[in-house]
PDB file of all heavy atoms in Angstrom:
ATOM      1  N   LEU A   1     -12.854  -0.201 -14.615  1.00  0.00           N
ATOM      2  CA  LEU A   1     -12.970  -0.859 -13.305  1.00  0.00           C
ATOM      3  C   LEU A   1     -11.840  -1.859 -13.085  1.00  0.00           C
ATOM      4  O   LEU A   1     -11.268  -1.935 -11.997  1.00  0.00           O
ATOM      5  CB  LEU A   1     -14.325  -1.556 -13.183  1.00  0.00           C
ATOM      6  CG  LEU A   1     -15.517  -0.630 -12.978  1.00  0.00           C
ATOM      7  CD1 LEU A   1     -16.821  -1.418 -13.075  1.00  0.00           C
ATOM      8  CD2 LEU A   1     -15.426   0.063 -11.638  1.00  0.00           C
ATOM      9  N   LEU A   2     -11.518  -2.630 -14.112  1.00  0.00           N
ATOM     10  CA  LEU A   2     -10.418  -3.586 -13.989  1.00  0.00           C
ATOM     11  C   LEU A   2      -9.085  -2.882 -13.761  1.00  0.00           C
ATOM     12  O   LEU A   2      -8.273  -3.308 -12.934  1.00  0.00           O
ATOM     13  CB  LEU A   2     -10.340  -4.472 -15.230  1.00  0.00           C
ATOM     14  CG  LEU A   2     -11.457  -5.498 -15.386  1.00  0.00           C
ATOM     15  CD1 LEU A   2     -11.350  -6.199 -16.740  1.00  0.00           C
ATOM     16  CD2 LEU A   2     -11.420  -6.509 -14.257  1.00  0.00           C
ATOM     17  N   MET A   3      -8.849  -1.800 -14.487  1.00  0.00           N
ATOM     18  CA  MET A   3      -7.602  -1.049 -14.316  1.00  0.00           C
ATOM     19  C   MET A   3      -7.516  -0.452 -12.916  1.00  0.00           C
ATOM     20  O   MET A   3      -6.447  -0.471 -12.296  1.00  0.00           O
ATOM     21  CB  MET A   3      -7.485   0.054 -15.368  1.00  0.00           C
ATOM     22  CG  MET A   3      -7.241  -0.460 -16.764  1.00  0.00           C
ATOM     23  SD  MET A   3      -5.726  -1.400 -16.903  1.00  0.00           S
ATOM     24  CE  MET A   3      -4.542  -0.132 -16.606  1.00  0.00           C
ATOM     25  N   ALA A   4      -8.634   0.059 -12.415  1.00  0.00           N
ATOM     26  CA  ALA A   4      -8.623   0.605 -11.051  1.00  0.00           C
ATOM     27  C   ALA A   4      -8.279  -0.488 -10.048  1.00  0.00           C
ATOM     28  O   ALA A   4      -7.490  -0.270  -9.123  1.00  0.00           O
ATOM     29  CB  ALA A   4      -9.974   1.237 -10.726  1.00  0.00           C
ATOM     30  N   GLY A   5      -8.854  -1.665 -10.227  1.00  0.00           N
ATOM     31  CA  GLY A   5      -8.546  -2.785  -9.339  1.00  0.00           C
ATOM     32  C   GLY A   5      -7.088  -3.189  -9.421  1.00  0.00           C
ATOM     33  O   GLY A   5      -6.437  -3.447  -8.404  1.00  0.00           O
ATOM     34  N   ILE A   6      -6.554  -3.248 -10.632  1.00  0.00           N
ATOM     35  CA  ILE A   6      -5.145  -3.605 -10.821  1.00  0.00           C
ATOM     36  C   ILE A   6      -4.239  -2.586 -10.141  1.00  0.00           C
ATOM     37  O   ILE A   6      -3.282  -2.941  -9.446  1.00  0.00           O
ATOM     38  CB  ILE A   6      -4.816  -3.720 -12.323  1.00  0.00           C
ATOM     39  CG1 ILE A   6      -5.480  -4.973 -12.906  1.00  0.00           C
ATOM     40  CG2 ILE A   6      -3.320  -3.737 -12.577  1.00  0.00           C
ATOM     41  CD1 ILE A   6      -5.444  -5.040 -14.409  1.00  0.00           C
ATOM     42  N   ILE A   7      -4.550  -1.320 -10.305  1.00  0.00           N
ATOM     43  CA  ILE A   7      -3.740  -0.269  -9.681  1.00  0.00           C
ATOM     44  C   ILE A   7      -3.825  -0.355  -8.162  1.00  0.00           C
ATOM     45  O   ILE A   7      -2.805  -0.220  -7.467  1.00  0.00           O
ATOM     46  CB  ILE A   7      -4.194   1.114 -10.185  1.00  0.00           C
ATOM     47  CG1 ILE A   7      -3.812   1.277 -11.653  1.00  0.00           C
ATOM     48  CG2 ILE A   7      -3.584   2.238  -9.356  1.00  0.00           C
ATOM     49  CD1 ILE A   7      -4.464   2.453 -12.336  1.00  0.00           C
ATOM     50  N   LEU A   8      -5.014  -0.605  -7.622  1.00  0.00           N
ATOM     51  CA  LEU A   8      -5.166  -0.711  -6.167  1.00  0.00           C
ATOM     52  C   LEU A   8      -4.397  -1.895  -5.606  1.00  0.00           C
ATOM     53  O   LEU A   8      -3.734  -1.794  -4.567  1.00  0.00           O
ATOM     54  CB  LEU A   8      -6.647  -0.814  -5.795  1.00  0.00           C
ATOM     55  CG  LEU A   8      -7.438   0.478  -5.919  1.00  0.00           C
ATOM     56  CD1 LEU A   8      -8.926   0.195  -5.719  1.00  0.00           C
ATOM     57  CD2 LEU A   8      -6.960   1.488  -4.906  1.00  0.00           C
ATOM     58  N   VAL A   9      -4.475  -3.046  -6.271  1.00  0.00           N
ATOM     59  CA  VAL A   9      -3.763  -4.241  -5.784  1.00  0.00           C
ATOM     60  C   VAL A   9      -2.249  -4.012  -5.835  1.00  0.00           C
ATOM     61  O   VAL A   9      -1.529  -4.301  -4.878  1.00  0.00           O
ATOM     62  CB  VAL A   9      -4.160  -5.493  -6.596  1.00  0.00           C
ATOM     63  CG1 VAL A   9      -3.241  -6.656  -6.312  1.00  0.00           C
ATOM     64  CG2 VAL A   9      -5.604  -5.877  -6.283  1.00  0.00           C
ATOM     65  N   ALA A  10      -1.763  -3.476  -6.959  1.00  0.00           N
ATOM     66  CA  ALA A  10      -0.322  -3.228  -7.084  1.00  0.00           C
ATOM     67  C   ALA A  10       0.141  -2.186  -6.062  1.00  0.00           C
ATOM     68  O   ALA A  10       1.208  -2.328  -5.457  1.00  0.00           O
ATOM     69  CB  ALA A  10       0.010  -2.765  -8.499  1.00  0.00           C
ATOM     70  N   GLY A  11      -0.664  -1.149  -5.846  1.00  0.00           N
ATOM     71  CA  GLY A  11      -0.315  -0.133  -4.856  1.00  0.00           C
ATOM     72  C   GLY A  11      -0.300  -0.668  -3.445  1.00  0.00           C
ATOM     73  O   GLY A  11       0.577  -0.329  -2.640  1.00  0.00           O
ATOM     74  N   ALA A  12      -1.274  -1.518  -3.113  1.00  0.00           N
ATOM     75  CA  ALA A  12      -1.320  -2.114  -1.775  1.00  0.00           C
ATOM     76  C   ALA A  12      -0.104  -3.006  -1.538  1.00  0.00           C
ATOM     77  O   ALA A  12       0.473  -3.017  -0.449  1.00  0.00           O
ATOM     78  CB  ALA A  12      -2.608  -2.908  -1.594  1.00  0.00           C
ATOM     79  N   LYS A  13       0.307  -3.731  -2.567  1.00  0.00           N
ATOM     80  CA  LYS A  13       1.490  -4.590  -2.442  1.00  0.00           C
ATOM     81  C   LYS A  13       2.737  -3.742  -2.203  1.00  0.00           C
ATOM     82  O   LYS A  13       3.550  -4.043  -1.332  1.00  0.00           O
ATOM     83  CB  LYS A  13       1.659  -5.431  -3.701  1.00  0.00           C
ATOM     84  CG  LYS A  13       2.857  -6.335  -3.641  1.00  0.00           C
ATOM     85  CD  LYS A  13       3.044  -7.082  -4.933  1.00  0.00           C
ATOM     86  CE  LYS A  13       4.360  -7.827  -4.862  1.00  0.00           C
ATOM     87  NZ  LYS A  13       4.935  -8.036  -6.148  1.00  0.00           N
ATOM     88  N   ASP A  14       2.880  -2.671  -2.969  1.00  0.00           N
ATOM     89  CA  ASP A  14       4.034  -1.787  -2.788  1.00  0.00           C
ATOM     90  C   ASP A  14       4.041  -1.157  -1.398  1.00  0.00           C
ATOM     91  O   ASP A  14       5.079  -1.077  -0.748  1.00  0.00           O
ATOM     92  CB  ASP A  14       4.036  -0.687  -3.847  1.00  0.00           C
ATOM     93  CG  ASP A  14       4.369  -1.195  -5.235  1.00  0.00           C
ATOM     94  OD1 ASP A  14       4.868  -2.328  -5.340  1.00  0.00           O
ATOM     95  OD2 ASP A  14       4.116  -0.458  -6.200  1.00  0.00           O
ATOM     96  N   THR A  15       2.874  -0.719  -0.937  1.00  0.00           N
ATOM     97  CA  THR A  15       2.772  -0.112   0.387  1.00  0.00           C
ATOM     98  C   THR A  15       3.147  -1.113   1.476  1.00  0.00           C
ATOM     99  O   THR A  15       3.852  -0.774   2.420  1.00  0.00           O
ATOM    100  CB  THR A  15       1.346   0.422   0.619  1.00  0.00           C
ATOM    101  OG1 THR A  15       1.066   1.393  -0.391  1.00  0.00           O
ATOM    102  CG2 THR A  15       1.210   1.064   1.981  1.00  0.00           C
ATOM    103  N   SER A  16       2.683  -2.355   1.345  1.00  0.00           N
ATOM    104  CA  SER A  16       3.028  -3.382   2.332  1.00  0.00           C
ATOM    105  C   SER A  16       4.530  -3.648   2.355  1.00  0.00           C
ATOM    106  O   SER A  16       5.122  -3.816   3.423  1.00  0.00           O
ATOM    107  CB  SER A  16       2.303  -4.687   2.019  1.00  0.00           C
ATOM    108  OG  SER A  16       0.989  -4.632   2.449  1.00  0.00           O
ATOM    109  N   ALA A  17       5.127  -3.694   1.178  1.00  0.00           N
ATOM    110  CA  ALA A  17       6.575  -3.936   1.112  1.00  0.00           C
ATOM    111  C   ALA A  17       7.344  -2.792   1.759  1.00  0.00           C
ATOM    112  O   ALA A  17       8.291  -3.027   2.526  1.00  0.00           O
ATOM    113  CB  ALA A  17       7.003  -4.108  -0.341  1.00  0.00           C
ATOM    114  N   ILE A  18       6.940  -1.575   1.490  1.00  0.00           N
ATOM    115  CA  ILE A  18       7.612  -0.413   2.096  1.00  0.00           C
ATOM    116  C   ILE A  18       7.438  -0.437   3.609  1.00  0.00           C
ATOM    117  O   ILE A  18       8.386  -0.178   4.357  1.00  0.00           O
ATOM    118  CB  ILE A  18       7.074   0.898   1.489  1.00  0.00           C
ATOM    119  CG1 ILE A  18       7.547   1.028   0.044  1.00  0.00           C
ATOM    120  CG2 ILE A  18       7.517   2.104   2.302  1.00  0.00           C
ATOM    121  CD1 ILE A  18       6.868   2.144  -0.728  1.00  0.00           C
ATOM    122  N   GLN A  19       6.228  -0.753   4.073  1.00  0.00           N
ATOM    123  CA  GLN A  19       5.981  -0.797   5.515  1.00  0.00           C
ATOM    124  C   GLN A  19       6.834  -1.873   6.191  1.00  0.00           C
ATOM    125  O   GLN A  19       7.366  -1.658   7.273  1.00  0.00           O
ATOM    126  CB  GLN A  19       4.495  -1.037   5.797  1.00  0.00           C
ATOM    127  CG  GLN A  19       4.117  -0.803   7.232  1.00  0.00           C
ATOM    128  CD  GLN A  19       4.362   0.628   7.666  1.00  0.00           C
ATOM    129  OE1 GLN A  19       4.019   1.563   6.956  1.00  0.00           O
ATOM    130  NE2 GLN A  19       4.940   0.815   8.831  1.00  0.00           N
ATOM    131  N   ALA A  20       6.980  -3.030   5.546  1.00  0.00           N
ATOM    132  CA  ALA A  20       7.817  -4.099   6.104  1.00  0.00           C
ATOM    133  C   ALA A  20       9.280  -3.644   6.202  1.00  0.00           C
ATOM    134  O   ALA A  20       9.964  -3.920   7.196  1.00  0.00           O
ATOM    135  CB  ALA A  20       7.704  -5.354   5.255  1.00  0.00           C
ATOM    136  N   LYS A  21       9.745  -2.940   5.183  1.00  0.00           N
ATOM    137  CA  LYS A  21      11.119  -2.430   5.206  1.00  0.00           C
ATOM    138  C   LYS A  21      11.299  -1.393   6.320  1.00  0.00           C
ATOM    139  O   LYS A  21      12.310  -1.405   7.028  1.00  0.00           O
ATOM    140  CB  LYS A  21      11.484  -1.815   3.860  1.00  0.00           C
ATOM    141  CG  LYS A  21      11.596  -2.839   2.748  1.00  0.00           C
ATOM    142  CD  LYS A  21      11.828  -2.162   1.410  1.00  0.00           C
ATOM    143  CE  LYS A  21      11.850  -3.164   0.291  1.00  0.00           C
ATOM    144  NZ  LYS A  21      12.047  -2.528  -1.023  1.00  0.00           N
ATOM    145  N   LEU A  22      10.319  -0.511   6.486  1.00  0.00           N
ATOM    146  CA  LEU A  22      10.406   0.499   7.550  1.00  0.00           C
ATOM    147  C   LEU A  22      10.386  -0.166   8.933  1.00  0.00           C
ATOM    148  O   LEU A  22      11.129   0.240   9.834  1.00  0.00           O
ATOM    149  CB  LEU A  22       9.265   1.499   7.423  1.00  0.00           C
ATOM    150  CG  LEU A  22       9.349   2.456   6.230  1.00  0.00           C
ATOM    151  CD1 LEU A  22       8.066   3.270   6.112  1.00  0.00           C
ATOM    152  CD2 LEU A  22      10.557   3.353   6.348  1.00  0.00           C
ATOM    153  N   ASP A  23       9.544  -1.189   9.097  1.00  0.00           N
ATOM    154  CA  ASP A  23       9.508  -1.910  10.369  1.00  0.00           C
ATOM    155  C   ASP A  23      10.871  -2.538  10.678  1.00  0.00           C
ATOM    156  O   ASP A  23      11.343  -2.510  11.813  1.00  0.00           O
ATOM    157  CB  ASP A  23       8.424  -2.986  10.357  1.00  0.00           C
ATOM    158  CG  ASP A  23       7.023  -2.419  10.438  1.00  0.00           C
ATOM    159  OD1 ASP A  23       6.877  -1.209  10.726  1.00  0.00           O
ATOM    160  OD2 ASP A  23       6.063  -3.181  10.214  1.00  0.00           O
ATOM    161  N   GLU A  24      11.508  -3.083   9.654  1.00  0.00           N
ATOM    162  CA  GLU A  24      12.829  -3.681   9.849  1.00  0.00           C
ATOM    163  C   GLU A  24      13.862  -2.629  10.227  1.00  0.00           C
ATOM    164  O   GLU A  24      14.717  -2.860  11.081  1.00  0.00           O
ATOM    165  CB  GLU A  24      13.260  -4.420   8.580  1.00  0.00           C
ATOM    166  CG  GLU A  24      14.573  -5.151   8.723  1.00  0.00           C
ATOM    167  CD  GLU A  24      14.563  -6.228   9.802  1.00  0.00           C
ATOM    168  OE1 GLU A  24      13.494  -6.763  10.131  1.00  0.00           O
ATOM    169  OE2 GLU A  24      15.655  -6.532  10.326  1.00  0.00           O
ATOM    170  N   LEU A  25      13.765  -1.450   9.640  1.00  0.00           N
ATOM    171  CA  LEU A  25      14.684  -0.366  10.005  1.00  0.00           C
ATOM    172  C   LEU A  25      14.469   0.068  11.452  1.00  0.00           C
ATOM    173  O   LEU A  25      15.430   0.355  12.172  1.00  0.00           O
ATOM    174  CB  LEU A  25      14.505   0.827   9.067  1.00  0.00           C
ATOM    175  CG  LEU A  25      15.037   0.641   7.647  1.00  0.00           C
ATOM    176  CD1 LEU A  25      14.642   1.813   6.769  1.00  0.00           C
ATOM    177  CD2 LEU A  25      16.543   0.468   7.677  1.00  0.00           C
ATOM    178  N   ILE A  26      13.225   0.115  11.885  1.00  0.00           N
ATOM    179  CA  ILE A  26      12.937   0.479  13.278  1.00  0.00           C
ATOM    180  C   ILE A  26      13.543  -0.559  14.221  1.00  0.00           C
ATOM    181  O   ILE A  26      14.121  -0.212  15.248  1.00  0.00           O
ATOM    182  CB  ILE A  26      11.409   0.600  13.506  1.00  0.00           C
ATOM    183  CG1 ILE A  26      10.873   1.816  12.754  1.00  0.00           C
ATOM    184  CG2 ILE A  26      11.089   0.713  14.993  1.00  0.00           C
ATOM    185  CD1 ILE A  26       9.360   1.894  12.709  1.00  0.00           C
ATOM    186  N   ARG A  27      13.423  -1.832  13.853  1.00  0.00           N
ATOM    187  CA  ARG A  27      14.013  -2.896  14.693  1.00  0.00           C
ATOM    188  C   ARG A  27      15.536  -2.772  14.755  1.00  0.00           C
ATOM    189  O   ARG A  27      16.154  -3.075  15.767  1.00  0.00           O
ATOM    190  CB  ARG A  27      13.635  -4.269  14.142  1.00  0.00           C
ATOM    191  CG  ARG A  27      12.245  -4.695  14.431  1.00  0.00           C
ATOM    192  CD  ARG A  27      12.009  -6.150  13.970  1.00  0.00           C
ATOM    193  NE  ARG A  27      10.608  -6.396  13.835  1.00  0.00           N
ATOM    194  CZ  ARG A  27       9.907  -6.299  12.700  1.00  0.00           C
ATOM    195  NH1 ARG A  27      10.511  -5.989  11.587  1.00  0.00           N
ATOM    196  NH2 ARG A  27       8.613  -6.521  12.679  1.00  0.00           N
ATOM    197  N   ALA A  28      16.149  -2.318  13.653  1.00  0.00           N
ATOM    198  CA  ALA A  28      17.608  -2.273  13.566  1.00  0.00           C
ATOM    199  C   ALA A  28      18.212  -1.094  14.333  1.00  0.00           C
ATOM    200  O   ALA A  28      19.359  -1.169  14.776  1.00  0.00           O
ATOM    201  CB  ALA A  28      18.046  -2.208  12.103  1.00  0.00           C
ATOM    202  N   VAL A  29      17.460  -0.027  14.512  1.00  0.00           N
ATOM    203  CA  VAL A  29      17.980   1.167  15.187  1.00  0.00           C
ATOM    204  C   VAL A  29      17.667   1.064  16.676  1.00  0.00           C
ATOM    205  O   VAL A  29      16.506   0.949  17.074  1.00  0.00           O
ATOM    206  CB  VAL A  29      17.369   2.452  14.580  1.00  0.00           C
ATOM    207  CG1 VAL A  29      17.828   3.678  15.330  1.00  0.00           C
ATOM    208  CG2 VAL A  29      17.718   2.553  13.105  1.00  0.00           C
ATOM    209  N   ASP A  30      18.711   1.106  17.492  1.00  0.00           N
ATOM    210  CA  ASP A  30      18.532   0.931  18.934  1.00  0.00           C
ATOM    211  C   ASP A  30      17.695   2.040  19.567  1.00  0.00           C
ATOM    212  O   ASP A  30      16.902   1.788  20.456  1.00  0.00           O
ATOM    213  CB  ASP A  30      19.900   0.873  19.634  1.00  0.00           C
ATOM    214  CG  ASP A  30      20.665  -0.385  19.278  1.00  0.00           C
ATOM    215  OD1 ASP A  30      20.015  -1.388  18.929  1.00  0.00           O
ATOM    216  OD2 ASP A  30      21.903  -0.351  19.333  1.00  0.00           O
ATOM    217  N   GLU A  31      17.862   3.278  19.119  1.00  0.00           N
ATOM    218  CA  GLU A  31      17.152   4.400  19.728  1.00  0.00           C
ATOM    219  C   GLU A  31      15.701   4.539  19.260  1.00  0.00           C
ATOM    220  O   GLU A  31      14.942   5.328  19.789  1.00  0.00           O
ATOM    221  CB  GLU A  31      17.878   5.726  19.430  1.00  0.00           C
ATOM    222  CG  GLU A  31      19.270   5.828  20.011  1.00  0.00           C
ATOM    223  CD  GLU A  31      20.311   5.191  19.094  1.00  0.00           C
ATOM    224  OE1 GLU A  31      20.081   5.096  17.873  1.00  0.00           O
ATOM    225  OE2 GLU A  31      21.351   4.765  19.608  1.00  0.00           O
ATOM    226  N   ALA A  32      15.313   3.765  18.234  1.00  0.00           N
ATOM    227  CA  ALA A  32      13.962   3.892  17.672  1.00  0.00           C
ATOM    228  C   ALA A  32      12.926   3.328  18.641  1.00  0.00           C
ATOM    229  O   ALA A  32      13.197   2.433  19.440  1.00  0.00           O
ATOM    230  CB  ALA A  32      13.877   3.160  16.344  1.00  0.00           C
ATOM    231  N   ASP A  33      11.733   3.880  18.584  1.00  0.00           N
ATOM    232  CA  ASP A  33      10.617   3.455  19.432  1.00  0.00           C
ATOM    233  C   ASP A  33       9.963   2.218  18.811  1.00  0.00           C
ATOM    234  O   ASP A  33       9.366   2.295  17.732  1.00  0.00           O
ATOM    235  CB  ASP A  33       9.604   4.594  19.548  1.00  0.00           C
ATOM    236  CG  ASP A  33       8.488   4.291  20.518  1.00  0.00           C
ATOM    237  OD1 ASP A  33       8.507   3.205  21.132  1.00  0.00           O
ATOM    238  OD2 ASP A  33       7.612   5.151  20.666  1.00  0.00           O
ATOM    239  N   ASP A  34      10.072   1.065  19.479  1.00  0.00           N
ATOM    240  CA  ASP A  34       9.510  -0.178  18.958  1.00  0.00           C
ATOM    241  C   ASP A  34       7.983  -0.146  18.868  1.00  0.00           C
ATOM    242  O   ASP A  34       7.386  -0.975  18.192  1.00  0.00           O
ATOM    243  CB  ASP A  34       9.941  -1.367  19.822  1.00  0.00           C
ATOM    244  CG  ASP A  34      11.411  -1.692  19.644  1.00  0.00           C
ATOM    245  OD1 ASP A  34      12.003  -1.225  18.653  1.00  0.00           O
ATOM    246  OD2 ASP A  34      11.963  -2.407  20.496  1.00  0.00           O
ATOM    247  N   HIS A  35       7.354   0.809  19.519  1.00  0.00           N
ATOM    248  CA  HIS A  35       5.893   0.904  19.459  1.00  0.00           C
ATOM    249  C   HIS A  35       5.413   1.331  18.067  1.00  0.00           C
ATOM    250  O   HIS A  35       4.239   1.203  17.750  1.00  0.00           O
ATOM    251  CB  HIS A  35       5.372   1.890  20.510  1.00  0.00           C
ATOM    252  CG  HIS A  35       5.558   1.390  21.905  1.00  0.00           C
ATOM    253  ND1 HIS A  35       6.678   1.702  22.645  1.00  0.00           N
ATOM    254  CD2 HIS A  35       4.790   0.589  22.670  1.00  0.00           C
ATOM    255  CE1 HIS A  35       6.578   1.117  23.819  1.00  0.00           C
ATOM    256  NE2 HIS A  35       5.448   0.435  23.869  1.00  0.00           N
ATOM    257  N   LEU A  36       6.336   1.845  17.260  1.00  0.00           N
ATOM    258  CA  LEU A  36       5.960   2.276  15.917  1.00  0.00           C
ATOM    259  C   LEU A  36       5.900   1.122  14.923  1.00  0.00           C
ATOM    260  O   LEU A  36       5.368   1.275  13.824  1.00  0.00           O
ATOM    261  CB  LEU A  36       6.933   3.344  15.416  1.00  0.00           C
ATOM    262  CG  LEU A  36       6.947   4.646  16.211  1.00  0.00           C
ATOM    263  CD1 LEU A  36       7.996   5.583  15.655  1.00  0.00           C
ATOM    264  CD2 LEU A  36       5.578   5.300  16.188  1.00  0.00           C
ATOM    265  N   ILE A  37       6.409  -0.040  15.306  1.00  0.00           N
ATOM    266  CA  ILE A  37       6.347  -1.205  14.421  1.00  0.00           C
ATOM    267  C   ILE A  37       4.880  -1.613  14.264  1.00  0.00           C
ATOM    268  O   ILE A  37       4.160  -1.767  15.234  1.00  0.00           O
ATOM    269  CB  ILE A  37       7.191  -2.372  14.974  1.00  0.00           C
ATOM    270  CG1 ILE A  37       8.671  -1.981  14.964  1.00  0.00           C
ATOM    271  CG2 ILE A  37       6.959  -3.641  14.156  1.00  0.00           C
ATOM    272  CD1 ILE A  37       9.577  -2.989  15.597  1.00  0.00           C
ATOM    273  N   GLY A  38       4.456  -1.780  13.034  1.00  0.00           N
ATOM    274  CA  GLY A  38       3.082  -2.178  12.753  1.00  0.00           C
ATOM    275  C   GLY A  38       2.069  -1.058  12.905  1.00  0.00           C
ATOM    276  O   GLY A  38       0.869  -1.307  12.995  1.00  0.00           O
ATOM    277  N   ILE A  39       2.534   0.170  12.930  1.00  0.00           N
ATOM    278  CA  ILE A  39       1.644   1.310  13.147  1.00  0.00           C
ATOM    279  C   ILE A  39       0.615   1.440  12.024  1.00  0.00           C
ATOM    280  O   ILE A  39      -0.464   1.990  12.215  1.00  0.00           O
ATOM    281  CB  ILE A  39       2.456   2.608  13.313  1.00  0.00           C
ATOM    282  CG1 ILE A  39       1.587   3.701  13.929  1.00  0.00           C
ATOM    283  CG2 ILE A  39       3.055   3.041  12.005  1.00  0.00           C
ATOM    284  CD1 ILE A  39       2.367   4.907  14.349  1.00  0.00           C
TER     285      ILE A  39
END
């Protein structure tokens, strides 16, 4: 149970970091649809 929790927390952190990076890329590209930020 502890290992499952550790894996879930670490995975959620990684997913949040990736999502933040993707949101920044969407902001940087002029042709990108800003509605996708925070999807």
